[in-house]
Amino acid sequence: MRHVYIRGMMGLIWMAAAVTTGIFGSFEMAVFYVVLAGVFFYNAYALWKKEKDKGGK
């Protein structure tokens, strides 16, 4: 379950980086960071769903 939390936190970090970068005007990098955050969030969700179906172990 630890991996789910770590990947979720990494997604939040990349999302914060996207917002910060977008505010300062580098929109190309902001889009890249949003995609990267989405990958981390998707992986966290997929792993959570797999562990939930397996019985939490």
Protein backbone atom coordinates (compact mmCIF):
# COMPACT_ATOMS: atom_id res chain seq x y z
CA MET A 1 0.00 0.00 0.00
CA ARG A 2 3.00 2.21 0.55
CA HIS A 3 3.61 2.36 -3.21
CA VAL A 4 0.16 3.79 -3.77
CA TYR A 5 0.81 6.60 -1.30
CA ILE A 6 4.25 7.37 -2.73
CA ARG A 7 2.92 7.51 -6.30
CA GLY A 8 0.02 9.68 -5.21
CA MET A 9 2.38 12.10 -3.47
CA MET A 10 4.63 12.22 -6.53
CA GLY A 11 1.57 13.05 -8.63
CA LEU A 12 0.74 15.90 -6.26
CA ILE A 13 4.30 17.21 -6.46
CA TRP A 14 4.23 17.19 -10.27
CA MET A 15 0.81 18.86 -10.26
CA ALA A 16 2.16 21.61 -7.99
CA ALA A 17 5.11 22.01 -10.34
CA ALA A 18 2.70 22.32 -13.27
CA VAL A 19 0.69 25.04 -11.52
CA THR A 20 3.82 26.93 -10.52
CA THR A 21 5.32 26.67 -13.99
CA GLY A 22 2.04 27.73 -15.59
CA ILE A 23 1.84 30.81 -13.38
CA PHE A 24 5.33 31.89 -14.41
CA GLY A 25 4.51 31.49 -18.09
CA SER A 26 6.17 28.33 -19.37
CA PHE A 27 3.00 26.67 -20.63
CA GLU A 28 4.76 23.95 -22.63
CA MET A 29 6.47 22.66 -19.50
CA ALA A 30 3.24 23.03 -17.51
CA VAL A 31 1.48 20.71 -19.97
CA PHE A 32 4.36 18.24 -19.70
CA TYR A 33 4.12 18.29 -15.88
CA VAL A 34 0.35 17.77 -16.00
CA VAL A 35 0.85 14.71 -18.21
CA LEU A 36 3.54 13.42 -15.87
CA ALA A 37 1.27 13.93 -12.85
CA GLY A 38 -1.51 12.10 -14.70
CA VAL A 39 0.77 9.13 -15.27
CA PHE A 40 1.60 8.96 -11.56
CA PHE A 41 -2.06 9.30 -10.56
CA TYR A 42 -3.10 6.61 -13.04
CA ASN A 43 -0.41 4.22 -11.78
CA ALA A 44 -1.41 4.85 -8.16
CA TYR A 45 -5.07 4.19 -8.98
CA ALA A 46 -4.30 1.04 -10.97
CA LEU A 47 -2.12 -0.34 -8.18
CA TRP A 48 -4.72 0.54 -5.54
CA LYS A 49 -7.44 -1.18 -7.57
CA LYS A 50 -5.26 -4.27 -8.08
CA GLU A 51 -4.46 -4.53 -4.36
CA LYS A 52 -8.10 -3.97 -3.44
CA ASP A 53 -9.23 -6.80 -5.73
CA LYS A 54 -6.49 -9.06 -4.41
CA GLY A 55 -7.61 -8.64 -0.83
CA GLY A 56 -5.39 -5.84 0.42
CA LYS A 57 -2.22 -7.87 0.79
